[in-house]
């Protein structure tokens, strides 16, 4: 695990607009505790100095309810896709197989 800055240090130092946006979240300085979160090495390297949706992911990742909810929604989505795939694609596949057999 590594420590990641939700609002990147480079952006906080260089751009006043980023500092203003961070202040809306109660973050005053790049090393403020509210601006820090844990991330695995791969995710931290993937994020680099990006902002946008990564900021939302950083704040949500700190919430204790986020990870269980994300797993539950992922399972529901997988079952939904499998159910739709069976309803939509299986008849198409069966017709295709019947056509090949003829």
N, C-alpha and C. Protein backbone atom coordinates (compact mmCIF):
# COMPACT_ATOMS: atom_id res chain seq x y z
N UNK A 1 0.83 -1.18 0.00
CA UNK A 1 0.00 0.00 0.00
C UNK A 1 0.88 1.25 0.00
N UNK A 2 0.40 2.26 -0.67
CA UNK A 2 1.11 3.53 -0.73
C UNK A 2 0.16 4.65 -0.30
N UNK A 3 0.72 5.78 0.01
CA UNK A 3 -0.10 6.96 0.32
C UNK A 3 -0.25 7.76 -0.96
N UNK A 4 -1.49 8.07 -1.29
CA UNK A 4 -1.80 8.79 -2.52
C UNK A 4 -2.42 10.13 -2.16
N UNK A 5 -2.12 11.13 -2.95
CA UNK A 5 -2.75 12.44 -2.79
C UNK A 5 -3.97 12.47 -3.71
N UNK A 6 -5.13 12.74 -3.15
CA UNK A 6 -6.34 12.80 -3.97
C UNK A 6 -6.22 13.94 -4.97
N UNK A 7 -5.94 15.14 -4.48
CA UNK A 7 -5.58 16.25 -5.37
C UNK A 7 -4.06 16.21 -5.50
N UNK A 8 -3.53 15.99 -6.70
CA UNK A 8 -2.09 15.83 -6.87
C UNK A 8 -1.29 17.04 -6.36
N UNK A 9 -0.13 16.76 -5.80
CA UNK A 9 0.73 17.80 -5.23
C UNK A 9 1.09 18.83 -6.30
N UNK A 10 1.46 18.35 -7.48
CA UNK A 10 1.86 19.24 -8.57
C UNK A 10 0.73 20.21 -8.91
N UNK A 11 -0.49 19.71 -9.00
CA UNK A 11 -1.63 20.55 -9.36
C UNK A 11 -1.96 21.53 -8.25
N UNK A 12 -1.86 21.08 -7.00
CA UNK A 12 -2.15 21.97 -5.87
C UNK A 12 -1.16 23.13 -5.82
N UNK A 13 0.10 22.86 -6.16
CA UNK A 13 1.12 23.91 -6.11
C UNK A 13 1.04 24.85 -7.30
N UNK A 14 0.66 24.34 -8.45
CA UNK A 14 0.74 25.13 -9.68
C UNK A 14 -0.54 25.89 -10.00
N UNK A 15 -1.71 25.31 -9.71
CA UNK A 15 -2.96 25.89 -10.18
C UNK A 15 -3.83 26.39 -9.03
N UNK A 16 -4.11 27.69 -9.00
CA UNK A 16 -4.97 28.24 -7.94
C UNK A 16 -6.39 27.67 -7.99
N UNK A 17 -6.88 27.35 -9.17
CA UNK A 17 -8.23 26.79 -9.29
C UNK A 17 -8.34 25.43 -8.58
N UNK A 18 -7.28 24.66 -8.62
CA UNK A 18 -7.27 23.36 -7.94
C UNK A 18 -7.28 23.58 -6.43
N UNK A 19 -6.52 24.56 -5.96
CA UNK A 19 -6.53 24.87 -4.53
C UNK A 19 -7.92 25.31 -4.07
N UNK A 20 -8.61 26.11 -4.91
CA UNK A 20 -9.97 26.54 -4.56
C UNK A 20 -10.92 25.35 -4.50
N UNK A 21 -10.80 24.45 -5.48
CA UNK A 21 -11.66 23.26 -5.49
C UNK A 21 -11.38 22.38 -4.28
N UNK A 22 -10.12 22.23 -3.93
CA UNK A 22 -9.76 21.44 -2.76
C UNK A 22 -10.30 22.08 -1.49
N UNK A 23 -10.29 23.41 -1.43
CA UNK A 23 -10.80 24.11 -0.24
C UNK A 23 -12.29 23.84 -0.05
N UNK A 24 -13.02 23.60 -1.13
CA UNK A 24 -14.44 23.26 -1.01
C UNK A 24 -14.64 21.95 -0.24
N UNK A 25 -13.64 21.07 -0.29
CA UNK A 25 -13.68 19.80 0.43
C UNK A 25 -13.01 19.91 1.80
N UNK A 26 -12.61 21.11 2.18
CA UNK A 26 -11.95 21.30 3.47
C UNK A 26 -10.48 20.94 3.46
N UNK A 27 -9.87 20.93 2.28
CA UNK A 27 -8.46 20.57 2.15
C UNK A 27 -7.66 21.85 1.99
N UNK A 28 -6.73 22.08 2.91
CA UNK A 28 -5.91 23.28 2.88
C UNK A 28 -4.44 22.85 2.85
N UNK A 29 -3.94 22.61 1.67
CA UNK A 29 -2.55 22.16 1.51
C UNK A 29 -2.51 20.75 0.95
N UNK A 30 -1.47 20.48 0.19
CA UNK A 30 -1.39 19.18 -0.50
C UNK A 30 -1.21 18.01 0.46
N UNK A 31 -0.60 18.24 1.64
CA UNK A 31 -0.38 17.15 2.58
C UNK A 31 -1.38 17.14 3.74
N UNK A 32 -2.50 17.82 3.54
CA UNK A 32 -3.58 17.78 4.53
C UNK A 32 -4.10 16.35 4.63
N UNK A 33 -4.45 15.92 5.83
CA UNK A 33 -4.91 14.53 6.03
C UNK A 33 -6.14 14.21 5.17
N UNK A 34 -6.98 15.20 4.90
CA UNK A 34 -8.16 14.96 4.07
C UNK A 34 -7.79 14.72 2.61
N UNK A 35 -6.59 15.10 2.23
CA UNK A 35 -6.14 14.93 0.85
C UNK A 35 -5.38 13.62 0.65
N UNK A 36 -5.20 12.84 1.71
CA UNK A 36 -4.42 11.60 1.61
C UNK A 36 -5.34 10.39 1.70
N UNK A 37 -5.01 9.37 0.93
CA UNK A 37 -5.72 8.10 1.01
C UNK A 37 -4.72 6.98 0.68
N UNK A 38 -5.08 5.77 1.02
CA UNK A 38 -4.21 4.65 0.68
C UNK A 38 -4.60 4.11 -0.68
N UNK A 39 -3.62 3.63 -1.39
CA UNK A 39 -3.85 3.02 -2.71
C UNK A 39 -2.76 1.98 -2.94
N UNK A 40 -3.11 0.95 -3.68
CA UNK A 40 -2.08 -0.02 -4.03
C UNK A 40 -1.11 0.64 -5.01
N UNK A 41 0.05 0.07 -5.13
CA UNK A 41 1.09 0.65 -5.98
C UNK A 41 0.60 0.81 -7.42
N UNK A 42 -0.10 -0.21 -7.92
CA UNK A 42 -0.57 -0.17 -9.31
C UNK A 42 -1.57 0.97 -9.53
N UNK A 43 -2.52 1.13 -8.61
CA UNK A 43 -3.51 2.20 -8.75
C UNK A 43 -2.87 3.58 -8.61
N UNK A 44 -1.92 3.70 -7.69
CA UNK A 44 -1.24 4.97 -7.49
C UNK A 44 -0.45 5.36 -8.74
N UNK A 45 0.21 4.41 -9.35
CA UNK A 45 0.96 4.70 -10.58
C UNK A 45 0.02 4.99 -11.74
N UNK A 46 -1.13 4.33 -11.76
CA UNK A 46 -2.10 4.55 -12.83
C UNK A 46 -2.70 5.96 -12.74
N UNK A 47 -2.93 6.42 -11.51
CA UNK A 47 -3.52 7.73 -11.31
C UNK A 47 -2.55 8.84 -11.67
N UNK A 48 -1.30 8.72 -11.25
CA UNK A 48 -0.26 9.73 -11.45
C UNK A 48 -0.77 11.09 -11.00
N UNK A 49 -0.81 12.09 -11.88
CA UNK A 49 -1.25 13.44 -11.53
C UNK A 49 -2.63 13.73 -12.11
N UNK A 50 -3.42 12.70 -12.34
CA UNK A 50 -4.74 12.90 -12.92
C UNK A 50 -5.71 13.40 -11.87
N UNK A 51 -6.76 14.03 -12.36
CA UNK A 51 -7.81 14.50 -11.45
C UNK A 51 -9.13 13.94 -11.96
N UNK A 52 -10.15 14.71 -12.07
CA UNK A 52 -11.43 14.25 -12.59
C UNK A 52 -12.06 13.16 -11.74
N UNK A 53 -12.42 12.05 -12.36
CA UNK A 53 -13.11 10.95 -11.68
C UNK A 53 -12.23 10.34 -10.60
N UNK A 54 -10.92 10.49 -10.71
CA UNK A 54 -10.01 9.94 -9.70
C UNK A 54 -10.22 10.60 -8.35
N UNK A 55 -10.61 11.86 -8.33
CA UNK A 55 -10.87 12.55 -7.07
C UNK A 55 -12.09 11.92 -6.41
N UNK A 56 -13.12 11.67 -7.19
CA UNK A 56 -14.31 11.02 -6.65
C UNK A 56 -13.97 9.63 -6.11
N UNK A 57 -13.16 8.87 -6.85
CA UNK A 57 -12.76 7.54 -6.39
C UNK A 57 -11.97 7.62 -5.08
N UNK A 58 -11.14 8.64 -4.94
CA UNK A 58 -10.35 8.80 -3.73
C UNK A 58 -11.22 9.07 -2.51
N UNK A 59 -12.21 9.93 -2.67
CA UNK A 59 -13.10 10.23 -1.55
C UNK A 59 -14.03 9.06 -1.24
N UNK A 60 -14.54 8.41 -2.27
CA UNK A 60 -15.42 7.26 -2.02
C UNK A 60 -14.67 6.10 -1.40
N UNK A 61 -13.44 5.90 -1.82
CA UNK A 61 -12.64 4.80 -1.30
C UNK A 61 -12.38 4.89 0.20
N UNK A 62 -12.47 6.09 0.76
CA UNK A 62 -12.27 6.27 2.20
C UNK A 62 -13.50 5.84 3.01
N UNK A 63 -14.66 5.77 2.36
CA UNK A 63 -15.90 5.46 3.08
C UNK A 63 -15.98 3.96 3.37
N UNK A 64 -16.34 3.58 4.59
CA UNK A 64 -16.39 2.15 4.93
C UNK A 64 -17.49 1.38 4.19
N UNK A 65 -18.53 2.05 3.75
CA UNK A 65 -19.63 1.38 3.07
C UNK A 65 -19.35 1.18 1.58
N UNK A 66 -18.36 1.87 1.03
CA UNK A 66 -18.14 1.87 -0.42
C UNK A 66 -17.73 0.50 -0.96
N UNK A 67 -16.75 -0.15 -0.33
CA UNK A 67 -16.21 -1.40 -0.88
C UNK A 67 -17.22 -2.53 -0.83
N UNK A 68 -17.95 -2.76 0.27
CA UNK A 68 -18.98 -3.81 0.24
C UNK A 68 -20.08 -3.51 -0.78
N UNK A 69 -20.49 -2.24 -0.86
CA UNK A 69 -21.52 -1.88 -1.84
C UNK A 69 -21.03 -2.10 -3.26
N UNK A 70 -19.78 -1.78 -3.53
CA UNK A 70 -19.22 -1.98 -4.86
C UNK A 70 -19.21 -3.47 -5.24
N UNK A 71 -18.85 -4.33 -4.28
CA UNK A 71 -18.86 -5.78 -4.56
C UNK A 71 -20.27 -6.28 -4.83
N UNK A 72 -21.23 -5.82 -4.04
CA UNK A 72 -22.62 -6.24 -4.23
C UNK A 72 -23.13 -5.79 -5.59
N UNK A 73 -22.87 -4.54 -5.96
CA UNK A 73 -23.32 -4.04 -7.26
C UNK A 73 -22.63 -4.77 -8.41
N UNK A 74 -21.38 -5.14 -8.23
CA UNK A 74 -20.67 -5.89 -9.27
C UNK A 74 -21.31 -7.25 -9.48
N UNK A 75 -21.65 -7.93 -8.39
CA UNK A 75 -22.29 -9.25 -8.50
C UNK A 75 -23.65 -9.11 -9.18
N UNK A 76 -24.43 -8.10 -8.79
CA UNK A 76 -25.73 -7.88 -9.42
C UNK A 76 -25.57 -7.61 -10.91
N UNK A 77 -24.60 -6.80 -11.26
CA UNK A 77 -24.35 -6.48 -12.67
C UNK A 77 -23.97 -7.73 -13.46
N UNK A 78 -23.11 -8.56 -12.89
CA UNK A 78 -22.69 -9.79 -13.58
C UNK A 78 -23.89 -10.70 -13.82
N UNK A 79 -24.71 -10.91 -12.80
CA UNK A 79 -25.89 -11.75 -12.97
C UNK A 79 -26.86 -11.16 -13.98
N UNK A 80 -27.02 -9.83 -13.96
CA UNK A 80 -27.91 -9.16 -14.92
C UNK A 80 -27.41 -9.35 -16.35
N UNK A 81 -26.10 -9.19 -16.55
CA UNK A 81 -25.53 -9.36 -17.89
C UNK A 81 -25.66 -10.82 -18.34
N UNK A 82 -25.40 -11.75 -17.44
CA UNK A 82 -25.56 -13.16 -17.80
C UNK A 82 -27.00 -13.50 -18.13
N UNK A 83 -27.94 -12.94 -17.37
CA UNK A 83 -29.37 -13.18 -17.62
C UNK A 83 -29.77 -12.60 -18.97
N UNK A 84 -29.36 -11.36 -19.24
CA UNK A 84 -29.68 -10.75 -20.53
C UNK A 84 -29.00 -11.49 -21.67
N UNK A 85 -27.76 -11.90 -21.45
CA UNK A 85 -27.05 -12.64 -22.48
C UNK A 85 -27.75 -13.93 -22.84
N UNK A 86 -28.29 -14.60 -21.84
CA UNK A 86 -29.01 -15.85 -22.10
C UNK A 86 -30.31 -15.57 -22.84
N UNK A 87 -31.00 -14.51 -22.48
CA UNK A 87 -32.27 -14.18 -23.12
C UNK A 87 -32.09 -13.66 -24.55
N UNK A 88 -31.05 -12.89 -24.77
CA UNK A 88 -30.88 -12.24 -26.07
C UNK A 88 -30.01 -13.06 -27.01
N UNK A 89 -28.87 -13.52 -26.53
CA UNK A 89 -27.89 -14.12 -27.41
C UNK A 89 -28.07 -15.62 -27.61
N UNK A 90 -28.63 -16.32 -26.65
CA UNK A 90 -28.78 -17.77 -26.81
C UNK A 90 -29.66 -18.14 -28.00
N UNK A 91 -30.82 -17.48 -28.21
CA UNK A 91 -31.59 -17.80 -29.41
C UNK A 91 -30.82 -17.53 -30.70
N UNK A 92 -30.04 -16.47 -30.70
CA UNK A 92 -29.24 -16.14 -31.89
C UNK A 92 -28.19 -17.21 -32.12
N UNK A 93 -27.52 -17.64 -31.06
CA UNK A 93 -26.49 -18.67 -31.17
C UNK A 93 -27.12 -19.99 -31.61
N UNK A 94 -28.27 -20.34 -31.03
CA UNK A 94 -28.94 -21.59 -31.42
C UNK A 94 -29.34 -21.55 -32.88
N UNK A 95 -29.87 -20.44 -33.36
CA UNK A 95 -30.22 -20.30 -34.79
C UNK A 95 -28.99 -20.42 -35.66
N UNK A 96 -27.91 -19.83 -35.23
CA UNK A 96 -26.67 -19.87 -36.00
C UNK A 96 -26.16 -21.32 -36.07
N UNK A 97 -26.21 -22.04 -34.95
CA UNK A 97 -25.77 -23.44 -34.94
C UNK A 97 -26.67 -24.29 -35.82
N UNK A 98 -27.99 -24.07 -35.77
CA UNK A 98 -28.91 -24.81 -36.62
C UNK A 98 -28.64 -24.53 -38.09
N UNK A 99 -28.31 -23.30 -38.42
CA UNK A 99 -27.99 -22.95 -39.81
C UNK A 99 -26.73 -23.65 -40.26
N UNK A 100 -25.74 -23.74 -39.40
CA UNK A 100 -24.49 -24.41 -39.76
C UNK A 100 -24.71 -25.91 -39.93
N UNK A 101 -25.62 -26.50 -39.15
CA UNK A 101 -25.86 -27.92 -39.24
C UNK A 101 -26.61 -28.30 -40.51
N UNK A 102 -27.37 -27.39 -41.05
CA UNK A 102 -28.15 -27.68 -42.28
C UNK A 102 -27.33 -27.63 -43.51
